[in-house]
Amino acid sequence: ERWTMEGPTHHFALGIGHIAHKIERLARTLNVEYVLVTPETKPAL
């Protein structure tokens, strides 16, 4: 549910494994939005 609330389209990145920190660093460098969705992530209200 959290995943679909972020509204992903065909313009998203999916990281498999323990590389979230690398994707986050790249997003900050490129000044683009980065959202980490995990089973523990609470939905935004």
C-alpha atoms as a PDB file:
ATOM      1  CA  GLU A   1       0.000   0.000   0.000  1.00  0.00           C
ATOM      2  CA  ARG A   2       2.800   2.437   0.855  1.00  0.00           C
ATOM      3  CA  TRP A   3       4.403   1.727  -2.531  1.00  0.00           C
ATOM      4  CA  THR A   4       1.277   2.699  -4.467  1.00  0.00           C
ATOM      5  CA  MET A   5       0.738   5.789  -2.285  1.00  0.00           C
ATOM      6  CA  GLU A   6       4.059   7.096  -3.631  1.00  0.00           C
ATOM      7  CA  GLY A   7       2.549   6.898  -7.123  1.00  0.00           C
ATOM      8  CA  PRO A   8       5.356   5.151  -9.014  1.00  0.00           C
ATOM      9  CA  THR A   9       5.189   5.286 -12.777  1.00  0.00           C
ATOM     10  CA  HIS A  10       7.617   3.898 -15.295  1.00  0.00           C
ATOM     11  CA  HIS A  11      10.029   6.592 -14.028  1.00  0.00           C
ATOM     12  CA  PHE A  12      11.276   4.933 -10.877  1.00  0.00           C
ATOM     13  CA  ALA A  13      14.311   3.031  -9.669  1.00  0.00           C
ATOM     14  CA  LEU A  14      14.117  -0.258  -7.851  1.00  0.00           C
ATOM     15  CA  GLY A  15      17.156  -1.343  -5.896  1.00  0.00           C
ATOM     16  CA  ILE A  16      17.567  -4.977  -4.977  1.00  0.00           C
ATOM     17  CA  GLY A  17      19.835  -5.820  -2.077  1.00  0.00           C
ATOM     18  CA  HIS A  18      21.624  -3.492   0.297  1.00  0.00           C
ATOM     19  CA  ILE A  19      22.223  -0.569  -2.068  1.00  0.00           C
ATOM     20  CA  ALA A  20      19.634   1.909  -0.784  1.00  0.00           C
ATOM     21  CA  HIS A  21      22.384   4.153   0.574  1.00  0.00           C
ATOM     22  CA  LYS A  22      23.980   4.347  -2.885  1.00  0.00           C
ATOM     23  CA  ILE A  23      20.680   5.224  -4.559  1.00  0.00           C
ATOM     24  CA  GLU A  24      20.004   7.859  -1.885  1.00  0.00           C
ATOM     25  CA  ARG A  25      23.440   9.410  -2.406  1.00  0.00           C
ATOM     26  CA  LEU A  26      22.875   9.530  -6.179  1.00  0.00           C
ATOM     27  CA  ALA A  27      19.448  11.135  -5.714  1.00  0.00           C
ATOM     28  CA  ARG A  28      20.924  13.828  -3.464  1.00  0.00           C
ATOM     29  CA  THR A  29      23.731  14.463  -5.951  1.00  0.00           C
ATOM     30  CA  LEU A  30      21.238  14.800  -8.823  1.00  0.00           C
ATOM     31  CA  ASN A  31      18.796  16.756  -6.657  1.00  0.00           C
ATOM     32  CA  VAL A  32      15.920  14.361  -7.367  1.00  0.00           C
ATOM     33  CA  GLU A  33      13.316  12.919  -5.034  1.00  0.00           C
ATOM     34  CA  TYR A  34      14.227   9.757  -3.179  1.00  0.00           C
ATOM     35  CA  VAL A  35      11.722   7.694  -1.185  1.00  0.00           C
ATOM     36  CA  LEU A  36      12.671   4.512   0.628  1.00  0.00           C
ATOM     37  CA  VAL A  37       9.677   2.208   1.034  1.00  0.00           C
ATOM     38  CA  THR A  38      10.125  -0.741   3.386  1.00  0.00           C
ATOM     39  CA  PRO A  39       7.684  -3.006   5.219  1.00  0.00           C
ATOM     40  CA  GLU A  40       8.266  -0.796   8.281  1.00  0.00           C
ATOM     41  CA  THR A  41       7.557   2.497   6.442  1.00  0.00           C
ATOM     42  CA  LYS A  42       4.459   4.233   7.786  1.00  0.00           C
ATOM     43  CA  PRO A  43       2.055   5.777   5.244  1.00  0.00           C
ATOM     44  CA  ALA A  44       2.081   9.561   4.987  1.00  0.00           C
ATOM     45  CA  LEU A  45      -1.115  11.067   6.341  1.00  0.00           C
END
